[in-house]
PDB file of all heavy atoms in Angstrom:
ATOM      1  N   ASN A   1      38.296 -89.261 -66.119  1.00  0.00           N
ATOM      2  CA  ASN A   1      38.585 -87.829 -65.993  1.00  0.00           C
ATOM      3  C   ASN A   1      40.032 -87.525 -66.364  1.00  0.00           C
ATOM      4  O   ASN A   1      40.917 -88.367 -66.184  1.00  0.00           O
ATOM      5  CB  ASN A   1      38.298 -87.326 -64.587  1.00  0.00           C
ATOM      6  CG  ASN A   1      36.821 -87.219 -64.288  1.00  0.00           C
ATOM      7  OD1 ASN A   1      35.974 -87.478 -65.146  1.00  0.00           O
ATOM      8  ND2 ASN A   1      36.491 -86.826 -63.076  1.00  0.00           N
ATOM      9  N   GLN A   2      40.254 -86.315 -66.859  1.00  0.00           N
ATOM     10  CA  GLN A   2      41.582 -85.887 -67.267  1.00  0.00           C
ATOM     11  C   GLN A   2      42.120 -84.804 -66.336  1.00  0.00           C
ATOM     12  O   GLN A   2      41.355 -84.018 -65.779  1.00  0.00           O
ATOM     13  CB  GLN A   2      41.549 -85.317 -68.690  1.00  0.00           C
ATOM     14  CG  GLN A   2      41.118 -86.311 -69.739  1.00  0.00           C
ATOM     15  CD  GLN A   2      41.083 -85.673 -71.120  1.00  0.00           C
ATOM     16  OE1 GLN A   2      41.769 -84.687 -71.382  1.00  0.00           O
ATOM     17  NE2 GLN A   2      40.284 -86.237 -72.005  1.00  0.00           N
ATOM     18  N   ALA A   3      43.444 -84.761 -66.220  1.00  0.00           N
ATOM     19  CA  ALA A   3      44.144 -83.714 -65.477  1.00  0.00           C
ATOM     20  C   ALA A   3      45.117 -83.039 -66.433  1.00  0.00           C
ATOM     21  O   ALA A   3      45.928 -83.717 -67.072  1.00  0.00           O
ATOM     22  CB  ALA A   3      44.896 -84.324 -64.293  1.00  0.00           C
ATOM     23  N   TRP A   4      45.027 -81.713 -66.541  1.00  0.00           N
ATOM     24  CA  TRP A   4      45.914 -80.949 -67.418  1.00  0.00           C
ATOM     25  C   TRP A   4      46.553 -79.826 -66.624  1.00  0.00           C
ATOM     26  O   TRP A   4      45.871 -79.073 -65.935  1.00  0.00           O
ATOM     27  CB  TRP A   4      45.137 -80.345 -68.594  1.00  0.00           C
ATOM     28  CG  TRP A   4      44.797 -81.369 -69.635  1.00  0.00           C
ATOM     29  CD1 TRP A   4      43.712 -82.196 -69.648  1.00  0.00           C
ATOM     30  CD2 TRP A   4      45.548 -81.671 -70.802  1.00  0.00           C
ATOM     31  NE1 TRP A   4      43.747 -82.997 -70.758  1.00  0.00           N
ATOM     32  CE2 TRP A   4      44.863 -82.700 -71.486  1.00  0.00           C
ATOM     33  CE3 TRP A   4      46.731 -81.171 -71.343  1.00  0.00           C
ATOM     34  CZ2 TRP A   4      45.329 -83.241 -72.680  1.00  0.00           C
ATOM     35  CZ3 TRP A   4      47.199 -81.707 -72.533  1.00  0.00           C
ATOM     36  CH2 TRP A   4      46.488 -82.735 -73.185  1.00  0.00           C
ATOM     37  N   ALA A   5      47.866 -79.713 -66.729  1.00  0.00           N
ATOM     38  CA  ALA A   5      48.619 -78.648 -66.062  1.00  0.00           C
ATOM     39  C   ALA A   5      49.457 -77.941 -67.115  1.00  0.00           C
ATOM     40  O   ALA A   5      49.904 -78.565 -68.077  1.00  0.00           O
ATOM     41  CB  ALA A   5      49.510 -79.237 -64.976  1.00  0.00           C
ATOM     42  N   GLY A   6      49.677 -76.648 -66.926  1.00  0.00           N
ATOM     43  CA  GLY A   6      50.472 -75.922 -67.902  1.00  0.00           C
ATOM     44  C   GLY A   6      51.158 -74.699 -67.330  1.00  0.00           C
ATOM     45  O   GLY A   6      50.695 -74.116 -66.348  1.00  0.00           O
ATOM     46  N   LEU A   7      52.283 -74.348 -67.940  1.00  0.00           N
ATOM     47  CA  LEU A   7      53.013 -73.119 -67.661  1.00  0.00           C
ATOM     48  C   LEU A   7      53.205 -72.380 -68.973  1.00  0.00           C
ATOM     49  O   LEU A   7      53.413 -73.001 -70.015  1.00  0.00           O
ATOM     50  CB  LEU A   7      54.398 -73.396 -67.072  1.00  0.00           C
ATOM     51  CG  LEU A   7      54.513 -74.004 -65.684  1.00  0.00           C
ATOM     52  CD1 LEU A   7      55.978 -74.175 -65.317  1.00  0.00           C
ATOM     53  CD2 LEU A   7      53.811 -73.159 -64.656  1.00  0.00           C
ATOM     54  N   ALA A   8      53.169 -71.047 -68.904  1.00  0.00           N
ATOM     55  CA  ALA A   8      53.490 -70.207 -70.055  1.00  0.00           C
ATOM     56  C   ALA A   8      54.366 -69.073 -69.560  1.00  0.00           C
ATOM     57  O   ALA A   8      54.266 -68.660 -68.411  1.00  0.00           O
ATOM     58  CB  ALA A   8      52.227 -69.657 -70.702  1.00  0.00           C
ATOM     59  N   TRP A   9      55.251 -68.597 -70.430  1.00  0.00           N
ATOM     60  CA  TRP A   9      56.119 -67.498 -70.038  1.00  0.00           C
ATOM     61  C   TRP A   9      56.199 -66.489 -71.163  1.00  0.00           C
ATOM     62  O   TRP A   9      56.049 -66.808 -72.341  1.00  0.00           O
ATOM     63  CB  TRP A   9      57.498 -67.970 -69.601  1.00  0.00           C
ATOM     64  CG  TRP A   9      58.206 -68.871 -70.563  1.00  0.00           C
ATOM     65  CD1 TRP A   9      59.186 -68.522 -71.449  1.00  0.00           C
ATOM     66  CD2 TRP A   9      58.027 -70.284 -70.715  1.00  0.00           C
ATOM     67  NE1 TRP A   9      59.616 -69.632 -72.158  1.00  0.00           N
ATOM     68  CE2 TRP A   9      58.917 -70.732 -71.730  1.00  0.00           C
ATOM     69  CE3 TRP A   9      57.190 -71.227 -70.118  1.00  0.00           C
ATOM     70  CZ2 TRP A   9      58.992 -72.051 -72.125  1.00  0.00           C
ATOM     71  CZ3 TRP A   9      57.261 -72.551 -70.526  1.00  0.00           C
ATOM     72  CH2 TRP A   9      58.159 -72.942 -71.514  1.00  0.00           C
ATOM     73  N   ALA A  10      56.405 -65.230 -70.745  1.00  0.00           N
ATOM     74  CA  ALA A  10      56.489 -64.117 -71.685  1.00  0.00           C
ATOM     75  C   ALA A  10      57.604 -63.194 -71.228  1.00  0.00           C
ATOM     76  O   ALA A  10      57.826 -63.018 -70.028  1.00  0.00           O
ATOM     77  CB  ALA A  10      55.160 -63.368 -71.731  1.00  0.00           C
ATOM     78  N   ILE A  11      58.299 -62.617 -72.188  1.00  0.00           N
ATOM     79  CA  ILE A  11      59.462 -61.765 -71.919  1.00  0.00           C
ATOM     80  C   ILE A  11      59.219 -60.390 -72.539  1.00  0.00           C
ATOM     81  O   ILE A  11      58.574 -60.270 -73.572  1.00  0.00           O
ATOM     82  CB  ILE A  11      60.740 -62.402 -72.518  1.00  0.00           C
ATOM     83  CG1 ILE A  11      60.960 -63.813 -71.965  1.00  0.00           C
ATOM     84  CG2 ILE A  11      61.966 -61.526 -72.289  1.00  0.00           C
ATOM     85  CD1 ILE A  11      61.180 -63.903 -70.486  1.00  0.00           C
ATOM     86  N   ASP A  12      59.772 -59.371 -71.921  1.00  0.00           N
ATOM     87  CA  ASP A  12      59.727 -58.015 -72.468  1.00  0.00           C
ATOM     88  C   ASP A  12      60.886 -57.870 -73.450  1.00  0.00           C
ATOM     89  O   ASP A  12      62.030 -57.735 -73.034  1.00  0.00           O
ATOM     90  CB  ASP A  12      59.850 -56.992 -71.340  1.00  0.00           C
ATOM     91  CG  ASP A  12      59.829 -55.558 -71.830  1.00  0.00           C
ATOM     92  OD1 ASP A  12      59.814 -55.337 -73.056  1.00  0.00           O
ATOM     93  OD2 ASP A  12      59.842 -54.658 -70.976  1.00  0.00           O
ATOM     94  N   PRO A  13      60.628 -57.899 -74.757  1.00  0.00           N
ATOM     95  CA  PRO A  13      61.723 -57.848 -75.731  1.00  0.00           C
ATOM     96  C   PRO A  13      62.422 -56.491 -75.785  1.00  0.00           C
ATOM     97  O   PRO A  13      63.535 -56.384 -76.275  1.00  0.00           O
ATOM     98  CB  PRO A  13      61.033 -58.153 -77.066  1.00  0.00           C
ATOM     99  CG  PRO A  13      59.610 -57.776 -76.859  1.00  0.00           C
ATOM    100  CD  PRO A  13      59.322 -57.993 -75.402  1.00  0.00           C
ATOM    101  N   GLU A  14      61.773 -55.451 -75.253  1.00  0.00           N
ATOM    102  CA  GLU A  14      62.357 -54.112 -75.289  1.00  0.00           C
ATOM    103  C   GLU A  14      63.292 -53.849 -74.115  1.00  0.00           C
ATOM    104  O   GLU A  14      64.104 -52.939 -74.156  1.00  0.00           O
ATOM    105  CB  GLU A  14      61.241 -53.061 -75.275  1.00  0.00           C
ATOM    106  CG  GLU A  14      60.275 -53.170 -76.434  1.00  0.00           C
ATOM    107  CD  GLU A  14      60.952 -52.964 -77.781  1.00  0.00           C
ATOM    108  OE1 GLU A  14      61.813 -52.080 -77.877  1.00  0.00           O
ATOM    109  OE2 GLU A  14      60.625 -53.715 -78.722  1.00  0.00           O
ATOM    110  N   GLN A  15      63.143 -54.623 -73.038  1.00  0.00           N
ATOM    111  CA  GLN A  15      63.938 -54.379 -71.838  1.00  0.00           C
ATOM    112  C   GLN A  15      65.279 -55.103 -71.919  1.00  0.00           C
ATOM    113  O   GLN A  15      65.334 -56.276 -72.271  1.00  0.00           O
ATOM    114  CB  GLN A  15      63.180 -54.833 -70.592  1.00  0.00           C
ATOM    115  CG  GLN A  15      63.918 -54.556 -69.306  1.00  0.00           C
ATOM    116  CD  GLN A  15      63.118 -55.010 -68.084  1.00  0.00           C
ATOM    117  OE1 GLN A  15      62.048 -55.559 -68.212  1.00  0.00           O
ATOM    118  NE2 GLN A  15      63.671 -54.795 -66.920  1.00  0.00           N
ATOM    119  N   SER A  16      66.327 -54.414 -71.575  1.00  0.00           N
ATOM    120  CA  SER A  16      67.650 -55.032 -71.519  1.00  0.00           C
ATOM    121  C   SER A  16      67.616 -56.137 -70.469  1.00  0.00           C
ATOM    122  O   SER A  16      67.195 -55.921 -69.350  1.00  0.00           O
ATOM    123  CB  SER A  16      68.698 -53.984 -71.146  1.00  0.00           C
ATOM    124  OG  SER A  16      69.942 -54.603 -70.974  1.00  0.00           O
ATOM    125  N   GLY A  17      68.021 -57.311 -70.817  1.00  0.00           N
ATOM    126  CA  GLY A  17      68.003 -58.425 -69.877  1.00  0.00           C
ATOM    127  C   GLY A  17      66.761 -59.269 -69.958  1.00  0.00           C
ATOM    128  O   GLY A  17      66.724 -60.367 -69.434  1.00  0.00           O
ATOM    129  N   GLY A  18      65.703 -58.773 -70.614  1.00  0.00           N
ATOM    130  CA  GLY A  18      64.518 -59.581 -70.884  1.00  0.00           C
ATOM    131  C   GLY A  18      63.773 -60.118 -69.685  1.00  0.00           C
ATOM    132  O   GLY A  18      63.483 -61.296 -69.622  1.00  0.00           O
ATOM    133  N   ALA A  19      63.439 -59.265 -68.697  1.00  0.00           N
ATOM    134  CA  ALA A  19      62.607 -59.721 -67.585  1.00  0.00           C
ATOM    135  C   ALA A  19      61.242 -60.125 -68.126  1.00  0.00           C
ATOM    136  O   ALA A  19      60.850 -59.737 -69.227  1.00  0.00           O
ATOM    137  CB  ALA A  19      62.468 -58.621 -66.541  1.00  0.00           C
ATOM    138  N   GLY A  20      60.487 -60.891 -67.337  1.00  0.00           N
ATOM    139  CA  GLY A  20      59.187 -61.322 -67.813  1.00  0.00           C
ATOM    140  C   GLY A  20      58.318 -61.913 -66.736  1.00  0.00           C
ATOM    141  O   GLY A  20      58.547 -61.707 -65.546  1.00  0.00           O
ATOM    142  N   VAL A  21      57.318 -62.659 -67.170  1.00  0.00           N
ATOM    143  CA  VAL A  21      56.369 -63.300 -66.272  1.00  0.00           C
ATOM    144  C   VAL A  21      56.229 -64.768 -66.658  1.00  0.00           C
ATOM    145  O   VAL A  21      56.456 -65.149 -67.807  1.00  0.00           O
ATOM    146  CB  VAL A  21      54.994 -62.601 -66.293  1.00  0.00           C
ATOM    147  CG1 VAL A  21      55.087 -61.199 -65.701  1.00  0.00           C
ATOM    148  CG2 VAL A  21      54.411 -62.559 -67.693  1.00  0.00           C
ATOM    149  N   LEU A  22      55.860 -65.573 -65.684  1.00  0.00           N
ATOM    150  CA  LEU A  22      55.648 -67.000 -65.876  1.00  0.00           C
ATOM    151  C   LEU A  22      54.367 -67.341 -65.134  1.00  0.00           C
ATOM    152  O   LEU A  22      54.235 -66.992 -63.953  1.00  0.00           O
ATOM    153  CB  LEU A  22      56.838 -67.768 -65.301  1.00  0.00           C
ATOM    154  CG  LEU A  22      57.039 -69.182 -65.788  1.00  0.00           C
ATOM    155  CD1 LEU A  22      58.509 -69.544 -65.719  1.00  0.00           C
ATOM    156  CD2 LEU A  22      56.236 -70.172 -64.997  1.00  0.00           C
ATOM    157  N   VAL A  23      53.402 -67.965 -65.809  1.00  0.00           N
ATOM    158  CA  VAL A  23      52.104 -68.242 -65.197  1.00  0.00           C
ATOM    159  C   VAL A  23      51.800 -69.732 -65.247  1.00  0.00           C
ATOM    160  O   VAL A  23      52.292 -70.465 -66.102  1.00  0.00           O
ATOM    161  CB  VAL A  23      50.971 -67.440 -65.874  1.00  0.00           C
ATOM    162  CG1 VAL A  23      51.244 -65.941 -65.761  1.00  0.00           C
ATOM    163  CG2 VAL A  23      50.783 -67.839 -67.326  1.00  0.00           C
ATOM    164  N   GLU A  24      50.945 -70.151 -64.306  1.00  0.00           N
ATOM    165  CA  GLU A  24      50.602 -71.562 -64.177  1.00  0.00           C
ATOM    166  C   GLU A  24      49.085 -71.720 -64.096  1.00  0.00           C
ATOM    167  O   GLU A  24      48.412 -70.895 -63.504  1.00  0.00           O
ATOM    168  CB  GLU A  24      51.270 -72.168 -62.946  1.00  0.00           C
ATOM    169  CG  GLU A  24      50.798 -71.662 -61.598  1.00  0.00           C
ATOM    170  CD  GLU A  24      51.430 -70.353 -61.138  1.00  0.00           C
ATOM    171  OE1 GLU A  24      52.171 -69.710 -61.901  1.00  0.00           O
ATOM    172  OE2 GLU A  24      51.140 -69.948 -59.996  1.00  0.00           O
ATOM    173  N   HIS A  25      48.580 -72.793 -64.717  1.00  0.00           N
ATOM    174  CA  HIS A  25      47.150 -73.099 -64.661  1.00  0.00           C
ATOM    175  C   HIS A  25      46.957 -74.611 -64.662  1.00  0.00           C
ATOM    176  O   HIS A  25      47.795 -75.356 -65.167  1.00  0.00           O
ATOM    177  CB  HIS A  25      46.396 -72.492 -65.850  1.00  0.00           C
ATOM    178  CG  HIS A  25      46.041 -71.062 -65.654  1.00  0.00           C
ATOM    179  ND1 HIS A  25      45.042 -70.654 -64.813  1.00  0.00           N
ATOM    180  CD2 HIS A  25      46.584 -69.940 -66.173  1.00  0.00           C
ATOM    181  CE1 HIS A  25      44.971 -69.339 -64.820  1.00  0.00           C
ATOM    182  NE2 HIS A  25      45.908 -68.881 -65.643  1.00  0.00           N
ATOM    183  N   ALA A  26      45.811 -75.030 -64.126  1.00  0.00           N
ATOM    184  CA  ALA A  26      45.413 -76.432 -64.127  1.00  0.00           C
ATOM    185  C   ALA A  26      43.932 -76.507 -64.491  1.00  0.00           C
ATOM    186  O   ALA A  26      43.157 -75.608 -64.139  1.00  0.00           O
ATOM    187  CB  ALA A  26      45.646 -77.061 -62.758  1.00  0.00           C
ATOM    188  N   ALA A  27      43.541 -77.563 -65.201  1.00  0.00           N
ATOM    189  CA  ALA A  27      42.139 -77.734 -65.614  1.00  0.00           C
ATOM    190  C   ALA A  27      41.909 -79.194 -65.979  1.00  0.00           C
ATOM    191  O   ALA A  27      42.813 -80.027 -65.882  1.00  0.00           O
ATOM    192  CB  ALA A  27      41.810 -76.820 -66.789  1.00  0.00           C
TER     193      ALA A  27
END
């Protein structure tokens, strides 16, 4: 069996300072 973990992040390019989100998943 395999274990896979991951993170992805996205930024608001229009917002000054570039706030964003970071998400996590496992499968």
